[in-house]
Amino acid sequence: MNTLQRAKRQSGFIASYILYGIGLLAIVGVAYGRLNMSNQQGRVVQQTVEDVASQLEVIRGKVLLCAAIYPDGDHLQFNTRHAYPAPAGVGNRDLISNVECPGAPLGSRSLATMSDGIPLPASPPEFEEWIYEHTELNGIRLRLNPRVAGGAEATRNRLLRQYPSTAALDGDELVFIVLN
């Protein structure tokens, strides 16, 4: 073999190792990108779960405060939990922004304008506005519907794990028990 052929073979050998190295770097880059994207999605889900948990506590606090501030209030709809709001809508459900404390001193007072100075929280972007439900048999519930059918599945599953005794699924809708 002459020197020219040997040099061509060596350069081909070196080029194949360089291509092999580039291929390995591409595989590692794709794997890292997927891992990073998965971590970001996990952080978004956890942030949404934390937002829902804090919103749930704010709304629950407002509902309980309503009965504490206006203990003589009466929604006049059924014979239980008189001082708690009971929306007149179908199934005694309504958007949380429409819910009012019954019999406040100057008539009904919206949960959003209570004297606690805390505004009603806006639901997370993946969900519709909170729905308040108060029925004679089932008590007081807060409902959260995903904006898209089957949406926010990871968030819903994590919330169900976080609230095993007070949260349930009703179709795609999350239902949280406030008071039985």
C-alpha atoms as a PDB file:
ATOM      1  CA  MET A   1       0.000   0.000   0.000  1.00  0.00           C
ATOM      2  CA  ASN A   2       1.299   3.340  -0.803  1.00  0.00           C
ATOM      3  CA  THR A   3       1.239   6.377   1.382  1.00  0.00           C
ATOM      4  CA  LEU A   4      -1.669   7.996  -0.464  1.00  0.00           C
ATOM      5  CA  GLN A   5      -3.944   5.008   0.039  1.00  0.00           C
ATOM      6  CA  ARG A   6      -2.961   4.751   3.700  1.00  0.00           C
ATOM      7  CA  ALA A   7      -3.753   8.460   4.228  1.00  0.00           C
ATOM      8  CA  LYS A   8      -7.187   8.050   2.575  1.00  0.00           C
ATOM      9  CA  ARG A   9      -7.968   5.070   4.781  1.00  0.00           C
ATOM     10  CA  GLN A  10      -6.900   6.918   7.921  1.00  0.00           C
ATOM     11  CA  SER A  11      -8.938   9.983   6.997  1.00  0.00           C
ATOM     12  CA  GLY A  12     -12.000   7.751   6.361  1.00  0.00           C
ATOM     13  CA  PHE A  13     -11.441   6.048   9.705  1.00  0.00           C
ATOM     14  CA  ILE A  14     -11.163   9.417  11.485  1.00  0.00           C
ATOM     15  CA  ALA A  15     -14.245  10.761   9.658  1.00  0.00           C
ATOM     16  CA  SER A  16     -16.308   7.741  10.757  1.00  0.00           C
ATOM     17  CA  TYR A  17     -15.332   8.349  14.398  1.00  0.00           C
ATOM     18  CA  ILE A  18     -16.258  12.023  14.075  1.00  0.00           C
ATOM     19  CA  LEU A  19     -19.669  11.111  12.612  1.00  0.00           C
ATOM     20  CA  TYR A  20     -20.148   8.526  15.363  1.00  0.00           C
ATOM     21  CA  GLY A  21     -19.380  11.200  17.992  1.00  0.00           C
ATOM     22  CA  ILE A  22     -21.791  13.672  16.384  1.00  0.00           C
ATOM     23  CA  GLY A  23     -24.508  10.992  16.388  1.00  0.00           C
ATOM     24  CA  LEU A  24     -23.933  10.291  20.091  1.00  0.00           C
ATOM     25  CA  LEU A  25     -24.098  14.011  20.896  1.00  0.00           C
ATOM     26  CA  ALA A  26     -27.387  14.291  18.976  1.00  0.00           C
ATOM     27  CA  ILE A  27     -28.888  11.362  20.903  1.00  0.00           C
ATOM     28  CA  VAL A  28     -27.770  12.807  24.237  1.00  0.00           C
ATOM     29  CA  GLY A  29     -29.137  16.228  23.241  1.00  0.00           C
ATOM     30  CA  VAL A  30     -32.552  14.806  22.330  1.00  0.00           C
ATOM     31  CA  ALA A  31     -32.702  12.805  25.575  1.00  0.00           C
ATOM     32  CA  TYR A  32     -31.745  15.855  27.626  1.00  0.00           C
ATOM     33  CA  GLY A  33     -34.342  17.968  25.801  1.00  0.00           C
ATOM     34  CA  ARG A  34     -37.092  15.455  26.529  1.00  0.00           C
ATOM     35  CA  LEU A  35     -36.050  15.201  30.165  1.00  0.00           C
ATOM     36  CA  ASN A  36     -35.995  18.973  30.496  1.00  0.00           C
ATOM     37  CA  MET A  37     -39.414  19.287  28.834  1.00  0.00           C
ATOM     38  CA  SER A  38     -40.812  16.614  31.155  1.00  0.00           C
ATOM     39  CA  ASN A  39     -39.423  18.485  34.174  1.00  0.00           C
ATOM     40  CA  GLN A  40     -41.004  21.731  32.970  1.00  0.00           C
ATOM     41  CA  GLN A  41     -44.362  20.022  32.459  1.00  0.00           C
ATOM     42  CA  GLY A  42     -44.103  18.540  35.949  1.00  0.00           C
ATOM     43  CA  ARG A  43     -43.381  21.981  37.393  1.00  0.00           C
ATOM     44  CA  VAL A  44     -46.379  23.478  35.562  1.00  0.00           C
ATOM     45  CA  VAL A  45     -48.640  20.715  36.899  1.00  0.00           C
ATOM     46  CA  GLN A  46     -47.303  21.181  40.437  1.00  0.00           C
ATOM     47  CA  GLN A  47     -47.773  24.948  40.234  1.00  0.00           C
ATOM     48  CA  THR A  48     -51.370  24.458  39.081  1.00  0.00           C
ATOM     49  CA  VAL A  49     -51.991  21.977  41.922  1.00  0.00           C
ATOM     50  CA  GLU A  50     -50.624  24.505  44.418  1.00  0.00           C
ATOM     51  CA  ASP A  51     -52.782  27.261  42.882  1.00  0.00           C
ATOM     52  CA  VAL A  52     -55.913  25.105  43.097  1.00  0.00           C
ATOM     53  CA  ALA A  53     -55.096  24.157  46.706  1.00  0.00           C
ATOM     54  CA  SER A  54     -54.736  27.787  47.771  1.00  0.00           C
ATOM     55  CA  GLN A  55     -57.837  28.850  45.814  1.00  0.00           C
ATOM     56  CA  LEU A  56     -59.799  26.053  47.429  1.00  0.00           C
ATOM     57  CA  GLU A  57     -58.810  27.282  50.876  1.00  0.00           C
ATOM     58  CA  VAL A  58     -59.694  30.907  50.069  1.00  0.00           C
ATOM     59  CA  ILE A  59     -63.131  29.967  48.743  1.00  0.00           C
ATOM     60  CA  ARG A  60     -63.768  27.543  51.612  1.00  0.00           C
ATOM     61  CA  GLY A  61     -62.793  30.272  54.070  1.00  0.00           C
ATOM     62  CA  LYS A  62     -65.179  32.738  52.429  1.00  0.00           C
ATOM     63  CA  VAL A  63     -68.058  30.252  52.581  1.00  0.00           C
ATOM     64  CA  LEU A  64     -67.442  29.517  56.270  1.00  0.00           C
ATOM     65  CA  LEU A  65     -66.969  33.222  56.996  1.00  0.00           C
ATOM     66  CA  CYS A  66     -70.305  33.939  55.359  1.00  0.00           C
ATOM     67  CA  ALA A  67     -72.094  31.755  57.930  1.00  0.00           C
ATOM     68  CA  ALA A  68     -69.993  33.165  60.779  1.00  0.00           C
ATOM     69  CA  ILE A  69     -70.660  36.809  59.903  1.00  0.00           C
ATOM     70  CA  TYR A  70     -74.344  36.301  59.088  1.00  0.00           C
ATOM     71  CA  PRO A  71     -75.426  33.414  61.344  1.00  0.00           C
ATOM     72  CA  ASP A  72     -79.090  34.424  61.080  1.00  0.00           C
ATOM     73  CA  GLY A  73     -79.053  34.383  57.292  1.00  0.00           C
ATOM     74  CA  ASP A  74     -81.442  31.988  55.605  1.00  0.00           C
ATOM     75  CA  HIS A  75     -81.375  30.915  51.965  1.00  0.00           C
ATOM     76  CA  LEU A  76     -85.007  29.683  52.286  1.00  0.00           C
ATOM     77  CA  GLN A  77     -84.371  26.765  49.909  1.00  0.00           C
ATOM     78  CA  PHE A  78     -84.247  23.723  52.189  1.00  0.00           C
ATOM     79  CA  ASN A  79     -83.984  22.932  55.878  1.00  0.00           C
ATOM     80  CA  THR A  80     -80.235  22.533  56.302  1.00  0.00           C
ATOM     81  CA  ARG A  81     -77.238  24.866  56.596  1.00  0.00           C
ATOM     82  CA  HIS A  82     -79.409  28.021  56.442  1.00  0.00           C
ATOM     83  CA  ALA A  83     -76.602  30.583  56.868  1.00  0.00           C
ATOM     84  CA  TYR A  84     -74.541  29.195  53.981  1.00  0.00           C
ATOM     85  CA  PRO A  85     -75.111  30.369  50.402  1.00  0.00           C
ATOM     86  CA  ALA A  86     -77.483  28.219  48.334  1.00  0.00           C
ATOM     87  CA  PRO A  87     -77.651  29.265  44.672  1.00  0.00           C
ATOM     88  CA  ALA A  88     -81.103  29.126  43.114  1.00  0.00           C
ATOM     89  CA  GLY A  89     -79.764  27.703  39.824  1.00  0.00           C
ATOM     90  CA  VAL A  90     -80.329  24.193  38.506  1.00  0.00           C
ATOM     91  CA  GLY A  91     -79.186  21.710  41.132  1.00  0.00           C
ATOM     92  CA  ASN A  92     -78.426  24.659  43.426  1.00  0.00           C
ATOM     93  CA  ARG A  93     -75.213  25.336  41.493  1.00  0.00           C
ATOM     94  CA  ASP A  94     -73.784  28.580  40.239  1.00  0.00           C
ATOM     95  CA  LEU A  95     -70.496  30.210  39.301  1.00  0.00           C
ATOM     96  CA  ILE A  96     -68.617  31.238  42.433  1.00  0.00           C
ATOM     97  CA  SER A  97     -68.690  34.866  41.274  1.00  0.00           C
ATOM     98  CA  ASN A  98     -72.523  34.823  41.496  1.00  0.00           C
ATOM     99  CA  VAL A  99     -72.751  33.289  44.985  1.00  0.00           C
ATOM    100  CA  GLU A 100     -74.129  35.461  47.770  1.00  0.00           C
ATOM    101  CA  CYS A 101     -74.359  35.167  51.555  1.00  0.00           C
ATOM    102  CA  PRO A 102     -78.033  34.916  52.488  1.00  0.00           C
ATOM    103  CA  GLY A 103     -79.615  37.568  54.636  1.00  0.00           C
ATOM    104  CA  ALA A 104     -76.669  39.865  55.153  1.00  0.00           C
ATOM    105  CA  PRO A 105     -77.726  42.931  57.155  1.00  0.00           C
ATOM    106  CA  LEU A 106     -78.459  44.906  53.988  1.00  0.00           C
ATOM    107  CA  GLY A 107     -79.720  41.966  51.943  1.00  0.00           C
ATOM    108  CA  SER A 108     -77.561  39.387  50.225  1.00  0.00           C
ATOM    109  CA  ARG A 109     -73.853  40.036  49.880  1.00  0.00           C
ATOM    110  CA  SER A 110     -71.578  38.517  47.255  1.00  0.00           C
ATOM    111  CA  LEU A 111     -68.697  36.319  48.392  1.00  0.00           C
ATOM    112  CA  ALA A 112     -66.502  38.478  46.169  1.00  0.00           C
ATOM    113  CA  THR A 113     -67.263  41.640  48.159  1.00  0.00           C
ATOM    114  CA  MET A 114     -67.070  40.298  51.698  1.00  0.00           C
ATOM    115  CA  SER A 115     -65.376  42.378  54.359  1.00  0.00           C
ATOM    116  CA  ASP A 116     -62.368  40.045  54.584  1.00  0.00           C
ATOM    117  CA  GLY A 117     -60.696  42.049  51.797  1.00  0.00           C
ATOM    118  CA  ILE A 118     -59.653  38.924  49.892  1.00  0.00           C
ATOM    119  CA  PRO A 119     -60.828  38.790  46.277  1.00  0.00           C
ATOM    120  CA  LEU A 120     -62.244  35.607  44.814  1.00  0.00           C
ATOM    121  CA  PRO A 121     -59.448  33.741  43.056  1.00  0.00           C
ATOM    122  CA  ALA A 122     -59.501  33.262  39.307  1.00  0.00           C
ATOM    123  CA  SER A 123     -59.359  29.602  38.387  1.00  0.00           C
ATOM    124  CA  PRO A 124     -56.182  28.238  36.740  1.00  0.00           C
ATOM    125  CA  PRO A 125     -55.978  28.646  32.944  1.00  0.00           C
ATOM    126  CA  GLU A 126     -56.720  24.951  32.291  1.00  0.00           C
ATOM    127  CA  PHE A 127     -60.049  25.162  34.144  1.00  0.00           C
ATOM    128  CA  GLU A 128     -63.368  26.985  33.913  1.00  0.00           C
ATOM    129  CA  GLU A 129     -64.530  29.240  36.750  1.00  0.00           C
ATOM    130  CA  TRP A 130     -65.170  27.520  40.086  1.00  0.00           C
ATOM    131  CA  ILE A 131     -68.740  26.289  40.555  1.00  0.00           C
ATOM    132  CA  TYR A 132     -70.375  26.412  43.974  1.00  0.00           C
ATOM    133  CA  GLU A 133     -72.974  23.771  44.817  1.00  0.00           C
ATOM    134  CA  HIS A 134     -75.156  23.540  47.917  1.00  0.00           C
ATOM    135  CA  THR A 135     -77.816  20.875  48.145  1.00  0.00           C
ATOM    136  CA  GLU A 136     -79.834  19.540  51.031  1.00  0.00           C
ATOM    137  CA  LEU A 137     -78.519  15.981  50.677  1.00  0.00           C
ATOM    138  CA  ASN A 138     -74.937  16.440  49.435  1.00  0.00           C
ATOM    139  CA  GLY A 139     -73.895  19.518  51.393  1.00  0.00           C
ATOM    140  CA  ILE A 140     -71.561  22.151  49.993  1.00  0.00           C
ATOM    141  CA  ARG A 141     -69.201  21.294  47.147  1.00  0.00           C
ATOM    142  CA  LEU A 142     -66.827  23.218  44.924  1.00  0.00           C
ATOM    143  CA  ARG A 143     -66.539  21.999  41.347  1.00  0.00           C
ATOM    144  CA  LEU A 144     -63.764  22.573  38.837  1.00  0.00           C
ATOM    145  CA  ASN A 145     -64.220  21.721  35.160  1.00  0.00           C
ATOM    146  CA  PRO A 146     -61.343  21.525  32.663  1.00  0.00           C
ATOM    147  CA  ARG A 147     -61.753  23.907  29.719  1.00  0.00           C
ATOM    148  CA  VAL A 148     -61.187  21.021  27.291  1.00  0.00           C
ATOM    149  CA  ALA A 149     -62.896  17.643  27.649  1.00  0.00           C
ATOM    150  CA  GLY A 150     -60.379  15.295  29.239  1.00  0.00           C
ATOM    151  CA  GLY A 151     -57.980  18.198  29.799  1.00  0.00           C
ATOM    152  CA  ALA A 152     -55.655  18.815  32.738  1.00  0.00           C
ATOM    153  CA  GLU A 153     -55.568  15.086  33.467  1.00  0.00           C
ATOM    154  CA  ALA A 154     -52.207  15.167  35.263  1.00  0.00           C
ATOM    155  CA  THR A 155     -53.398  18.054  37.454  1.00  0.00           C
ATOM    156  CA  ARG A 156     -56.686  16.315  38.245  1.00  0.00           C
ATOM    157  CA  ASN A 157     -54.911  13.081  39.160  1.00  0.00           C
ATOM    158  CA  ARG A 158     -52.452  14.849  41.416  1.00  0.00           C
ATOM    159  CA  LEU A 159     -55.261  16.754  43.163  1.00  0.00           C
ATOM    160  CA  LEU A 160     -57.140  13.497  43.730  1.00  0.00           C
ATOM    161  CA  ARG A 161     -54.015  12.056  45.375  1.00  0.00           C
ATOM    162  CA  GLN A 162     -53.528  15.210  47.449  1.00  0.00           C
ATOM    163  CA  TYR A 163     -57.159  15.276  48.676  1.00  0.00           C
ATOM    164  CA  PRO A 164     -58.112  11.582  48.879  1.00  0.00           C
ATOM    165  CA  SER A 165     -60.991  12.021  51.338  1.00  0.00           C
ATOM    166  CA  THR A 166     -62.444  15.321  50.114  1.00  0.00           C
ATOM    167  CA  ALA A 167     -62.023  15.221  46.316  1.00  0.00           C
ATOM    168  CA  ALA A 168     -63.654  13.044  43.682  1.00  0.00           C
ATOM    169  CA  LEU A 169     -64.169  12.957  39.941  1.00  0.00           C
ATOM    170  CA  ASP A 170     -67.588  13.413  38.378  1.00  0.00           C
ATOM    171  CA  GLY A 171     -66.794  12.760  34.719  1.00  0.00           C
ATOM    172  CA  ASP A 172     -63.968  15.219  33.981  1.00  0.00           C
ATOM    173  CA  GLU A 173     -65.081  17.528  36.779  1.00  0.00           C
ATOM    174  CA  LEU A 174     -63.225  17.683  40.102  1.00  0.00           C
ATOM    175  CA  VAL A 175     -65.569  17.892  43.085  1.00  0.00           C
ATOM    176  CA  PHE A 176     -64.273  19.079  46.474  1.00  0.00           C
ATOM    177  CA  ILE A 177     -66.288  18.645  49.660  1.00  0.00           C
ATOM    178  CA  VAL A 178     -66.494  21.841  51.691  1.00  0.00           C
ATOM    179  CA  LEU A 179     -69.182  20.827  54.190  1.00  0.00           C
ATOM    180  CA  ASN A 180     -71.444  17.770  54.512  1.00  0.00           C
END
